[in-house]
Amino acid sequence: MAKNKTHKGTKKRIKVTGTGKLMRRRAFGSHLMTKKSANRKRKFRKDAPLASQDSSRVRDLLGA
C-alpha cells in the first residue's frame, strides 16, 4: 500500500511544536493595520493553537 503524501499547503501554514501541538497564524493581521489597536496588532504576531476539532484532520494532511 502506498504511503500518504504530505499536503504541502498545510505544511507551509501549520507548525508542530515539540510537545506535538499544532500552531497556526492568526487571521486579519496582514493589511489595513492603521485602524487596528496596538494591543490587537501585537496579538497578531503570536501563533495560535489549532482548534482541537481540526487537529486530527490536519495531522492526517501533515502525516504527523
N, C-alpha and C. Protein backbone atom coordinates (compact mmCIF):
# COMPACT_ATOMS: atom_id res chain seq x y z
N MET A 1 0.84 -1.18 0.00
CA MET A 1 0.00 0.00 0.00
C MET A 1 0.88 1.25 0.00
N ALA A 2 0.45 2.27 -0.74
CA ALA A 2 1.26 3.48 -0.87
C ALA A 2 1.23 4.31 0.41
N LYS A 3 2.29 5.09 0.62
CA LYS A 3 2.34 6.00 1.76
C LYS A 3 1.48 7.22 1.48
N ASN A 4 1.00 7.86 2.53
CA ASN A 4 0.27 9.12 2.36
C ASN A 4 1.26 10.24 2.13
N LYS A 5 0.92 11.13 1.20
CA LYS A 5 1.79 12.26 0.92
C LYS A 5 1.45 13.43 1.84
N THR A 6 2.46 14.20 2.19
CA THR A 6 2.26 15.41 2.99
C THR A 6 1.61 16.47 2.12
N HIS A 7 0.58 17.12 2.64
CA HIS A 7 -0.07 18.22 1.92
C HIS A 7 0.79 19.46 2.07
N LYS A 8 1.39 19.92 0.96
CA LYS A 8 2.40 20.98 1.02
C LYS A 8 1.82 22.31 1.48
N GLY A 9 0.56 22.60 1.13
CA GLY A 9 -0.06 23.85 1.58
C GLY A 9 -0.22 23.88 3.09
N THR A 10 -0.60 22.74 3.66
CA THR A 10 -0.76 22.64 5.11
C THR A 10 0.59 22.72 5.80
N LYS A 11 1.59 22.09 5.20
CA LYS A 11 2.94 22.08 5.78
C LYS A 11 3.50 23.49 5.93
N LYS A 12 3.17 24.37 4.96
CA LYS A 12 3.67 25.75 4.99
C LYS A 12 2.94 26.60 6.03
N ARG A 13 1.72 26.22 6.39
CA ARG A 13 0.89 27.05 7.26
C ARG A 13 0.84 26.61 8.72
N ILE A 14 1.08 25.33 8.98
CA ILE A 14 0.94 24.78 10.33
C ILE A 14 2.30 24.32 10.83
N LYS A 15 2.60 24.69 12.09
CA LYS A 15 3.86 24.29 12.71
C LYS A 15 3.54 23.33 13.86
N VAL A 16 4.32 22.26 13.97
CA VAL A 16 4.15 21.32 15.06
C VAL A 16 5.19 21.63 16.13
N THR A 17 4.74 21.82 17.37
CA THR A 17 5.65 22.16 18.46
C THR A 17 6.33 20.90 18.97
N GLY A 18 7.26 21.08 19.87
CA GLY A 18 7.97 19.96 20.46
C GLY A 18 7.08 19.02 21.24
N THR A 19 6.00 19.56 21.82
CA THR A 19 5.07 18.72 22.58
C THR A 19 3.99 18.13 21.69
N GLY A 20 4.01 18.48 20.39
CA GLY A 20 3.05 17.89 19.46
C GLY A 20 1.84 18.75 19.17
N LYS A 21 1.77 19.95 19.76
CA LYS A 21 0.65 20.84 19.47
C LYS A 21 0.79 21.42 18.07
N LEU A 22 -0.33 21.74 17.44
CA LEU A 22 -0.33 22.35 16.12
C LEU A 22 -0.60 23.84 16.27
N MET A 23 0.27 24.67 15.69
CA MET A 23 0.14 26.12 15.80
C MET A 23 -0.12 26.71 14.41
N ARG A 24 -0.96 27.74 14.37
CA ARG A 24 -1.32 28.40 13.12
C ARG A 24 -1.15 29.91 13.26
N ARG A 25 -1.12 30.60 12.14
CA ARG A 25 -1.08 32.06 12.16
C ARG A 25 -2.47 32.61 12.42
N ARG A 26 -2.52 33.83 12.94
CA ARG A 26 -3.81 34.48 13.18
C ARG A 26 -4.28 35.20 11.93
N ALA A 27 -5.58 35.24 11.73
CA ALA A 27 -6.17 35.94 10.59
C ALA A 27 -6.24 37.44 10.85
N PHE A 28 -6.40 38.21 9.78
CA PHE A 28 -6.63 39.67 9.79
C PHE A 28 -5.41 40.49 10.16
N GLY A 29 -4.21 39.92 10.12
CA GLY A 29 -3.02 40.66 10.54
C GLY A 29 -2.09 41.06 9.41
N SER A 30 -2.58 41.13 8.18
CA SER A 30 -1.66 41.39 7.07
C SER A 30 -1.79 42.78 6.45
N HIS A 31 -2.96 43.41 6.52
CA HIS A 31 -3.12 44.74 5.92
C HIS A 31 -4.23 45.50 6.64
N LEU A 32 -4.42 46.77 6.27
CA LEU A 32 -5.39 47.67 6.93
C LEU A 32 -5.12 47.75 8.44
N MET A 33 -3.84 47.94 8.78
CA MET A 33 -3.44 47.88 10.18
C MET A 33 -3.64 49.21 10.92
N THR A 34 -3.84 50.32 10.18
CA THR A 34 -3.94 51.62 10.85
C THR A 34 -5.17 51.71 11.75
N LYS A 35 -6.24 51.05 11.37
CA LYS A 35 -7.48 51.13 12.16
C LYS A 35 -7.50 50.15 13.32
N LYS A 36 -6.52 49.27 13.40
CA LYS A 36 -6.49 48.28 14.48
C LYS A 36 -5.64 48.79 15.64
N SER A 37 -6.05 48.46 16.85
CA SER A 37 -5.35 48.95 18.03
C SER A 37 -3.99 48.27 18.17
N ALA A 38 -3.10 48.92 18.90
CA ALA A 38 -1.76 48.38 19.10
C ALA A 38 -1.82 47.04 19.82
N ASN A 39 -2.74 46.93 20.77
CA ASN A 39 -2.89 45.68 21.52
C ASN A 39 -3.31 44.54 20.59
N ARG A 40 -4.23 44.85 19.67
CA ARG A 40 -4.71 43.85 18.73
C ARG A 40 -3.61 43.44 17.75
N LYS A 41 -2.84 44.42 17.27
CA LYS A 41 -1.75 44.15 16.33
C LYS A 41 -0.66 43.31 16.98
N ARG A 42 -0.41 43.54 18.25
CA ARG A 42 0.61 42.78 18.98
C ARG A 42 0.20 41.31 19.09
N LYS A 43 -1.08 41.06 19.27
CA LYS A 43 -1.58 39.69 19.38
C LYS A 43 -1.48 38.93 18.06
N PHE A 44 -1.50 39.65 16.93
CA PHE A 44 -1.38 39.00 15.63
C PHE A 44 0.00 38.37 15.44
N ARG A 45 1.01 38.88 16.13
CA ARG A 45 2.38 38.39 15.96
C ARG A 45 2.55 36.96 16.47
N LYS A 46 1.79 36.61 17.48
CA LYS A 46 1.94 35.29 18.09
C LYS A 46 1.12 34.25 17.34
N ASP A 47 1.64 33.03 17.28
CA ASP A 47 0.89 31.93 16.70
C ASP A 47 -0.21 31.50 17.66
N ALA A 48 -1.28 30.97 17.10
CA ALA A 48 -2.41 30.49 17.89
C ALA A 48 -2.49 28.98 17.76
N PRO A 49 -2.94 28.30 18.80
CA PRO A 49 -3.10 26.84 18.68
C PRO A 49 -4.27 26.52 17.77
N LEU A 50 -4.14 25.46 17.03
CA LEU A 50 -5.20 25.00 16.14
C LEU A 50 -6.32 24.41 16.99
N ALA A 51 -7.56 24.60 16.55
CA ALA A 51 -8.71 24.07 17.28
C ALA A 51 -8.63 22.55 17.34
N SER A 52 -9.03 22.00 18.46
CA SER A 52 -8.93 20.54 18.65
C SER A 52 -9.80 19.79 17.65
N GLN A 53 -10.91 20.43 17.19
CA GLN A 53 -11.79 19.79 16.21
C GLN A 53 -11.08 19.59 14.87
N ASP A 54 -10.14 20.49 14.54
CA ASP A 54 -9.45 20.43 13.26
C ASP A 54 -8.15 19.63 13.32
N SER A 55 -7.62 19.42 14.51
CA SER A 55 -6.26 18.90 14.63
C SER A 55 -6.11 17.48 14.06
N SER A 56 -7.12 16.62 14.24
CA SER A 56 -6.98 15.26 13.72
C SER A 56 -6.94 15.25 12.19
N ARG A 57 -7.75 16.12 11.57
CA ARG A 57 -7.78 16.21 10.10
C ARG A 57 -6.47 16.76 9.57
N VAL A 58 -5.92 17.77 10.26
CA VAL A 58 -4.68 18.40 9.82
C VAL A 58 -3.50 17.46 10.02
N ARG A 59 -3.52 16.66 11.10
CA ARG A 59 -2.45 15.68 11.32
C ARG A 59 -2.37 14.66 10.18
N ASP A 60 -3.53 14.28 9.65
CA ASP A 60 -3.55 13.37 8.51
C ASP A 60 -2.91 14.02 7.29
N LEU A 61 -3.18 15.32 7.08
CA LEU A 61 -2.60 16.04 5.95
C LEU A 61 -1.09 16.19 6.11
N LEU A 62 -0.64 16.38 7.35
CA LEU A 62 0.79 16.55 7.60
C LEU A 62 1.53 15.22 7.64
N GLY A 63 0.83 14.16 7.89
CA GLY A 63 1.47 12.88 8.06
C GLY A 63 2.17 12.77 9.40
N ALA A 64 1.72 13.59 10.36
CA ALA A 64 2.36 13.62 11.68
C ALA A 64 1.53 12.85 12.69
